[in-house]
Amino acid sequence: MPEEAIKIFYSYSRKDLDMRNILEDHLSALREANRIKTWHDLELEAGTEWEPAILHKLNTADIILLLVSRNFIASKYCYGTELKLAIARHDKGTARVIPIILRPCDWNHPDVPFSKLNVLPTHAKAITSWADQEEAFTIVAQRIRETVDQLRAEKQAERQAKEEPKQHQTDQKEAAQRNQTANVTVDELASKKGVDYTRLRNLLKDGKWKEADQETADRMCEVMRRKLEPGLRIEDIQNFPCIDLRTIDQLWVRHSNGKFGFSVQKEIWQECGSPIADNANWEEFGEIVGWKKKGILGIQKDWKYHKELTFDISAPRGHLPVCRYDYLFFGRCLALPVGRGLVGDDGGISSLASRLVDCSIPYPQPL
């Protein structure tokens, strides 16, 4: 049986039709290969009642693309009806919602429903702000393709499960029910050193980011038996158990919808050239994650102190965790600003990134 194409719905303002058409062109190879089937309102047939038809396509789509601009936000139907239904389906896990920032606009604050989601393109920089807009569209198309591949794999696994003997399915369901509680501990809260991550999970689930940052530092020190001498040394990071590092990272990634976590910071750090010295690349990394104050008219600004960080979901991607204790996360003095002392030949960021690679902890996927 041939695999069913992934259905993609465009939610956009017709004032941005030109940019939607460009994105359609970038996705044409996937359409020709029958891996996706896209739909937008211009495909409505003559004489069709437009609203029921649009809502049907929206409610049956696998991926919903939000093409964000001031036009989109100003559209009562896009921002009201379509966005409301899209977020509801995302929260239920029945569709993937991917916001794509077409043009600069004020979207990154809690009043905007999709601000909690991981947006495209890279660093949430609007496509029209790129020097090469084709590069931005290419990045967006690549990320959409990755999500399509993931959904196709999930659908294939579901089909295979349905084809298994009925008794085998029953046995699997019963085993899953019997082990549901155990699986939470083994899979989500696993620890090689017997550390309990329940409080960290609950803090992240409740959006208590500052408390979760401190809890992360406490538990990591507990893993490496450094309660009496707080702060992790470089050798501690290099030998940190992969199981615990993966647990901590995935808790952050999952409960922030891909916005925070060590693997997110690693991805941004690598995109900035994997700096191991205090140079322009390191300062670019600091500005992207929001640890460094942005300069005005070319005047360089210093790194922020811990009290100046943003402990809510509106913070930049990769902003958390920072993991402060009586010392900086990597064994540096609290009086130093965030970012100072975290890079260099023995820098913590490079050590952490290397450990993430050693532990095979991947980049986070869009949620």
Protein backbone atom coordinates (compact mmCIF):
# COMPACT_ATOMS: atom_id res chain seq x y z
CA MET A 1 0.00 0.00 0.00
CA PRO A 2 1.49 3.37 -1.02
CA GLU A 3 2.13 5.79 1.83
CA GLU A 4 -0.39 8.60 2.21
CA ALA A 5 0.93 12.11 1.58
CA ILE A 6 1.29 14.44 4.57
CA LYS A 7 -1.40 17.14 4.35
CA ILE A 8 -0.17 20.74 4.80
CA PHE A 9 -2.49 23.72 5.37
CA TYR A 10 -1.42 27.32 4.75
CA SER A 11 -2.80 29.92 7.18
CA TYR A 12 -1.82 33.27 5.70
CA SER A 13 -2.99 36.72 4.66
CA ARG A 14 -3.57 37.22 0.95
CA LYS A 15 -1.44 40.35 1.25
CA ASP A 16 1.47 37.90 1.65
CA LEU A 17 0.47 35.80 -1.37
CA ASP A 18 3.78 36.47 -3.12
CA MET A 19 5.79 34.94 -0.26
CA ARG A 20 3.43 31.98 0.06
CA ASN A 21 3.97 31.28 -3.65
CA ILE A 22 7.74 31.29 -3.15
CA LEU A 23 7.46 28.81 -0.29
CA GLU A 24 5.21 26.64 -2.48
CA ASP A 25 7.97 26.56 -5.08
CA HIS A 26 10.52 25.47 -2.46
CA LEU A 27 8.25 22.58 -1.47
CA SER A 28 7.53 21.50 -5.04
CA ALA A 29 9.94 18.52 -4.96
CA LEU A 30 8.08 17.05 -1.97
CA ARG A 31 4.76 17.54 -3.77
CA GLU A 32 6.01 15.89 -6.96
CA ALA A 33 7.24 12.92 -4.92
CA ASN A 34 3.76 12.69 -3.36
CA ARG A 35 5.26 13.11 0.10
CA ILE A 36 3.09 16.14 0.82
CA LYS A 37 -0.21 17.59 -0.37
CA THR A 38 -0.54 21.33 0.25
CA TRP A 39 -3.78 23.34 0.42
CA HIS A 40 -4.68 27.02 0.59
CA ASP A 41 -7.84 29.07 0.18
CA LEU A 42 -7.26 29.86 -3.51
CA GLU A 43 -8.00 26.19 -4.25
CA LEU A 44 -11.64 26.59 -3.21
CA GLU A 45 -13.94 25.44 -5.98
CA ALA A 46 -16.47 27.86 -7.46
CA GLY A 47 -19.81 27.76 -5.66
CA THR A 48 -18.32 26.17 -2.54
CA GLU A 49 -19.25 27.48 0.90
CA TRP A 50 -15.83 28.83 1.74
CA GLU A 51 -15.78 28.68 5.54
CA PRO A 52 -16.85 25.02 6.03
CA ALA A 53 -14.38 24.01 3.31
CA ILE A 54 -11.51 25.90 4.96
CA LEU A 55 -12.32 24.54 8.42
CA HIS A 56 -12.48 20.98 7.05
CA LYS A 57 -9.02 21.29 5.52
CA LEU A 58 -7.68 22.92 8.70
CA ASN A 59 -9.12 20.17 10.92
CA THR A 60 -7.70 17.35 8.76
CA ALA A 61 -4.22 18.75 8.08
CA ASP A 62 -1.13 17.04 9.50
CA ILE A 63 0.95 20.25 9.41
CA ILE A 64 -0.37 23.80 9.74
CA LEU A 65 1.95 26.54 8.50
CA LEU A 66 1.38 29.99 10.02
CA LEU A 67 2.82 32.60 7.64
CA VAL A 68 3.35 35.40 10.14
CA SER A 69 3.44 39.10 9.36
CA ARG A 70 1.58 42.20 10.52
CA ASN A 71 -0.96 41.29 7.83
CA PHE A 72 -1.50 37.88 9.42
CA ILE A 73 -1.86 39.33 12.93
CA ALA A 74 -4.23 42.03 11.68
CA SER A 75 -6.47 39.49 9.90
CA LYS A 76 -9.42 38.63 12.13
CA TYR A 77 -9.98 35.32 10.35
CA CYS A 78 -6.33 34.21 10.26
CA TYR A 79 -5.39 35.40 13.74
CA GLY A 80 -8.78 34.67 15.27
CA THR A 81 -10.48 31.62 13.78
CA GLU A 82 -7.63 29.76 12.06
CA LEU A 83 -4.96 30.40 14.69
CA LYS A 84 -7.30 29.44 17.56
CA LEU A 85 -8.16 26.09 15.94
CA ALA A 86 -4.53 25.45 14.98
CA ILE A 87 -3.24 25.96 18.54
CA ALA A 88 -6.04 23.76 19.91
CA ARG A 89 -5.01 20.93 17.57
CA HIS A 90 -1.33 21.44 18.45
CA ASP A 91 -2.11 21.23 22.18
CA LYS A 92 -4.05 17.98 21.60
CA GLY A 93 -1.16 16.54 19.58
CA THR A 94 -3.29 16.02 16.45
CA ALA A 95 -1.30 18.40 14.22
CA ARG A 96 2.09 20.09 14.02
CA VAL A 97 1.89 23.89 13.95
CA ILE A 98 4.94 25.64 12.48
CA PRO A 99 5.04 29.46 12.61
CA ILE A 100 7.14 31.01 9.83
CA ILE A 101 8.07 34.67 10.32
CA LEU A 102 7.73 36.31 6.91
CA ARG A 103 8.12 39.97 7.87
CA PRO A 104 9.20 41.75 11.08
CA CYS A 105 6.32 42.23 13.52
CA ASP A 106 5.71 42.21 17.27
CA TRP A 107 4.91 38.52 17.86
CA ASN A 108 7.39 37.33 20.51
CA HIS A 109 5.45 37.93 23.73
CA PRO A 110 2.99 35.88 25.84
CA ASP A 111 -0.10 37.63 24.40
CA VAL A 112 0.55 35.94 21.05
CA PRO A 113 -0.67 32.28 21.16
CA PHE A 114 2.06 30.85 18.91
CA SER A 115 4.95 32.58 20.72
CA LYS A 116 5.36 29.43 22.82
CA LEU A 117 6.26 27.44 19.70
CA ASN A 118 9.61 27.04 17.98
CA VAL A 119 9.48 29.31 14.92
CA LEU A 120 11.27 29.40 11.57
CA PRO A 121 13.61 30.41 10.04
CA THR A 122 16.80 30.15 12.13
CA HIS A 123 16.97 32.44 15.19
CA ALA A 124 13.38 33.59 14.46
CA LYS A 125 14.76 36.18 12.05
CA ALA A 126 12.06 37.31 9.61
CA ILE A 127 12.65 36.15 6.02
CA THR A 128 12.59 39.68 4.61
CA SER A 129 15.36 40.64 7.04
CA TRP A 130 17.80 38.14 5.53
CA ALA A 131 20.38 39.43 3.08
CA ASP A 132 19.64 36.35 0.98
CA GLN A 133 15.93 35.55 1.26
CA GLU A 134 16.34 32.40 -0.84
CA GLU A 135 18.65 31.02 1.86
CA ALA A 136 15.97 31.72 4.48
CA PHE A 137 13.29 29.99 2.40
CA THR A 138 15.63 27.02 1.88
CA ILE A 139 16.14 26.65 5.64
CA VAL A 140 12.36 26.77 6.16
CA ALA A 141 11.80 24.14 3.46
CA GLN A 142 14.46 21.86 4.98
CA ARG A 143 12.90 22.05 8.45
CA ILE A 144 9.44 21.33 6.98
CA ARG A 145 10.90 18.32 5.16
CA GLU A 146 12.39 17.02 8.42
CA THR A 147 8.98 17.31 10.11
CA VAL A 148 7.32 15.57 7.14
CA ASP A 149 9.82 12.70 7.41
CA GLN A 150 9.14 12.39 11.13
CA LEU A 151 5.36 12.31 10.65
CA ARG A 152 5.62 9.77 7.83
CA ALA A 153 7.71 7.52 10.08
CA GLU A 154 5.13 7.84 12.86
CA LYS A 155 2.27 7.02 10.51
CA GLN A 156 4.14 4.01 9.15
CA ALA A 157 4.70 2.74 12.69
CA GLU A 158 0.98 3.17 13.41
CA ARG A 159 0.05 1.19 10.29
CA GLN A 160 2.43 -1.61 11.20
CA ALA A 161 0.96 -1.75 14.69
CA LYS A 162 -2.55 -2.13 13.24
CA GLU A 163 -1.43 -4.98 11.02
CA GLU A 164 -0.10 -7.03 13.95
CA PRO A 165 -2.25 -9.86 15.30
CA LYS A 166 -5.03 -8.61 17.56
CA GLN A 167 -3.83 -10.67 20.50
CA HIS A 168 -0.34 -9.22 20.21
CA GLN A 169 -1.80 -5.71 20.26
CA THR A 170 -3.82 -6.58 23.36
CA ASP A 171 -0.71 -7.90 25.09
CA GLN A 172 1.18 -4.74 24.22
CA LYS A 173 -1.58 -2.49 25.57
CA GLU A 174 -1.82 -4.47 28.80
CA ALA A 175 1.95 -4.35 29.26
CA ALA A 176 1.97 -0.61 28.58
CA GLN A 177 -0.75 -0.09 31.19
CA ARG A 178 1.05 -2.22 33.77
CA ASN A 179 4.31 -0.38 33.22
CA GLN A 180 2.96 3.13 32.72
CA THR A 181 4.21 4.41 36.06
CA ALA A 182 7.53 2.61 35.73
CA ASN A 183 8.06 3.99 32.23
CA VAL A 184 7.81 7.56 33.51
CA THR A 185 10.71 6.87 35.84
CA VAL A 186 12.79 4.83 33.39
CA ASP A 187 12.26 6.91 30.26
CA GLU A 188 11.51 10.47 31.33
CA LEU A 189 13.35 10.67 34.68
CA ALA A 190 16.18 8.18 34.17
CA SER A 191 19.35 8.64 36.25
CA LYS A 192 22.50 6.56 36.42
CA LYS A 193 23.22 7.91 39.92
CA GLY A 194 19.70 7.52 41.31
CA VAL A 195 19.00 11.27 41.28
CA ASP A 196 15.30 12.22 41.49
CA TYR A 197 14.28 14.64 38.72
CA THR A 198 10.59 14.76 39.69
CA ARG A 199 10.77 18.29 41.11
CA LEU A 200 12.63 19.55 38.01
CA ARG A 201 9.96 18.06 35.75
CA ASN A 202 7.16 19.63 37.81
CA LEU A 203 8.81 23.06 37.87
CA LEU A 204 9.31 23.00 34.09
CA LYS A 205 5.76 21.76 33.54
CA ASP A 206 4.46 24.70 35.60
CA GLY A 207 6.65 27.19 33.71
CA LYS A 208 8.69 28.12 36.80
CA TRP A 209 11.83 28.68 34.77
CA LYS A 210 13.99 30.41 37.40
CA GLU A 211 13.31 27.76 40.01
CA ALA A 212 13.90 25.05 37.39
CA ASP A 213 17.25 26.63 36.49
CA GLN A 214 18.36 26.47 40.14
CA GLU A 215 16.98 22.93 40.49
CA THR A 216 19.00 21.89 37.43
CA ALA A 217 22.18 23.21 39.06
CA ASP A 218 21.35 21.42 42.34
CA ARG A 219 20.68 18.07 40.70
CA MET A 220 23.75 18.25 38.44
CA CYS A 221 25.91 18.94 41.48
CA GLU A 222 24.23 16.00 43.20
CA VAL A 223 25.05 13.74 40.25
CA MET A 224 28.75 14.63 40.51
CA ARG A 225 28.74 14.58 44.34
CA ARG A 226 29.65 18.27 44.64
CA LYS A 227 27.16 19.39 47.29
CA LEU A 228 29.89 20.56 49.67
CA GLU A 229 31.80 22.39 46.92
CA PRO A 230 29.10 23.79 44.58
CA GLY A 231 29.70 24.29 40.88
CA LEU A 232 30.84 21.85 38.23
CA ARG A 233 34.42 21.68 37.02
CA ILE A 234 35.38 21.00 33.41
CA GLU A 235 36.30 17.42 34.30
CA ASP A 236 32.83 16.98 35.83
CA ILE A 237 31.19 17.98 32.55
CA GLN A 238 33.49 15.71 30.56
CA ASN A 239 32.50 12.74 32.73
CA PHE A 240 28.84 13.63 33.31
CA PRO A 241 26.62 10.51 32.85
CA CYS A 242 24.92 10.50 29.45
CA ILE A 243 21.68 9.16 30.90
CA ASP A 244 21.35 12.08 33.31
CA LEU A 245 22.43 14.68 30.74
CA ARG A 246 19.84 13.36 28.30
CA THR A 247 17.12 13.38 30.98
CA ILE A 248 17.82 16.98 32.01
CA ASP A 249 18.07 18.22 28.42
CA GLN A 250 14.92 16.52 27.19
CA LEU A 251 12.88 17.75 30.16
CA TRP A 252 13.88 21.32 29.25
CA VAL A 253 13.28 20.78 25.51
CA ARG A 254 9.92 19.06 25.96
CA HIS A 255 8.37 21.49 28.42
CA SER A 256 9.60 24.59 26.54
CA ASN A 257 8.41 23.27 23.16
CA GLY A 258 11.97 23.16 21.86
CA LYS A 259 12.94 26.65 23.01
CA PHE A 260 15.28 25.85 25.93
CA GLY A 261 17.78 23.08 26.70
CA PHE A 262 21.46 22.19 26.40
CA SER A 263 20.97 20.66 22.94
CA VAL A 264 19.33 23.89 21.76
CA GLN A 265 22.33 25.88 23.02
CA LYS A 266 24.68 23.41 21.32
CA GLU A 267 22.91 23.88 17.98
CA ILE A 268 23.16 27.68 18.19
CA TRP A 269 26.79 27.50 19.38
CA GLN A 270 27.72 25.34 16.38
CA GLU A 271 25.86 27.66 13.99
CA CYS A 272 28.03 30.48 15.37
CA GLY A 273 31.21 28.61 14.45
CA SER A 274 31.72 26.63 17.70
CA PRO A 275 33.78 29.41 19.31
CA ILE A 276 36.34 28.41 21.95
CA ALA A 277 37.75 31.90 22.41
CA ASP A 278 36.25 35.20 23.52
CA ASN A 279 35.79 36.58 20.01
CA ALA A 280 33.12 37.95 17.67
CA ASN A 281 31.58 34.49 17.19
CA TRP A 282 31.24 34.04 20.94
CA GLU A 283 29.65 37.49 21.25
CA GLU A 284 27.23 36.57 18.42
CA PHE A 285 26.27 33.45 20.34
CA GLY A 286 25.73 35.55 23.49
CA GLU A 287 23.46 38.00 21.66
CA ILE A 288 21.39 35.23 20.03
CA VAL A 289 20.68 33.42 23.31
CA GLY A 290 20.15 36.73 25.13
CA TRP A 291 23.07 36.52 27.54
CA LYS A 292 24.74 39.61 26.07
CA LYS A 293 23.23 43.05 25.76
CA LYS A 294 22.83 44.12 22.14
CA GLY A 295 24.87 47.10 21.07
CA ILE A 296 23.39 50.29 19.61
CA LEU A 297 25.01 52.03 16.61
CA GLY A 298 27.99 49.68 16.73
CA ILE A 299 28.73 50.26 20.43
CA GLN A 300 29.47 46.94 22.11
CA LYS A 301 27.54 46.09 25.26
CA ASP A 302 28.63 43.87 28.11
CA TRP A 303 27.33 40.49 29.21
CA LYS A 304 24.29 40.37 31.47
CA TYR A 305 24.37 39.38 35.10
CA HIS A 306 22.23 36.50 36.30
CA LYS A 307 19.61 38.85 37.77
CA GLU A 308 19.20 40.49 34.34
CA LEU A 309 18.19 37.26 32.58
CA THR A 310 14.63 36.59 31.39
CA PHE A 311 13.01 33.70 33.22
CA ASP A 312 9.88 33.23 31.12
CA ILE A 313 8.94 31.65 27.78
CA SER A 314 9.37 34.98 25.94
CA ALA A 315 13.15 34.69 26.40
CA PRO A 316 15.25 34.07 23.26
CA ARG A 317 15.79 30.53 22.04
CA GLY A 318 18.58 28.84 24.02
CA HIS A 319 18.40 31.42 26.85
CA LEU A 320 18.02 28.69 29.49
CA PRO A 321 19.29 26.81 31.39
CA VAL A 322 22.20 28.82 32.80
CA CYS A 323 22.45 26.84 36.05
CA ARG A 324 23.84 29.28 38.58
CA TYR A 325 24.84 28.19 42.06
CA ASP A 326 27.26 29.85 44.49
CA TYR A 327 29.51 29.68 41.44
CA LEU A 328 28.89 29.88 37.74
CA PHE A 329 27.77 26.59 36.21
CA PHE A 330 31.30 25.68 35.16
CA GLY A 331 33.04 26.56 38.41
CA ARG A 332 33.43 30.33 37.97
CA CYS A 333 32.79 33.13 40.48
CA LEU A 334 29.22 34.41 40.83
CA ALA A 335 30.43 38.01 40.49
CA LEU A 336 31.21 37.41 36.81
CA PRO A 337 28.50 38.20 34.25
CA VAL A 338 26.87 35.32 32.39
CA GLY A 339 29.07 34.32 29.47
CA ARG A 340 32.36 35.38 31.03
CA GLY A 341 34.54 32.39 31.77
CA LEU A 342 32.35 29.98 29.81
CA VAL A 343 34.59 29.95 26.75
CA GLY A 344 38.29 29.35 26.19
CA ASP A 345 40.67 26.42 25.87
CA ASP A 346 39.06 24.89 28.96
CA GLY A 347 35.68 26.55 28.39
CA GLY A 348 32.50 24.98 29.70
CA ILE A 349 30.40 25.49 26.56
CA SER A 350 32.83 23.58 24.33
CA SER A 351 33.12 20.83 26.95
CA LEU A 352 29.34 20.59 27.26
CA ALA A 353 28.87 20.52 23.46
CA SER A 354 31.48 17.75 23.17
CA ARG A 355 29.73 15.76 25.89
CA LEU A 356 26.37 16.13 24.11
CA VAL A 357 27.96 14.75 20.94
CA ASP A 358 29.59 11.87 22.87
CA CYS A 359 26.21 11.04 24.40
CA SER A 360 24.47 11.15 20.99
CA ILE A 361 22.01 13.81 22.17
CA PRO A 362 20.58 15.29 18.91
CA TYR A 363 19.25 18.68 18.01
CA PRO A 364 15.66 19.13 19.20
CA GLN A 365 12.94 18.57 16.61
CA PRO A 366 10.12 21.09 16.16
CA LEU A 367 7.28 20.23 18.53
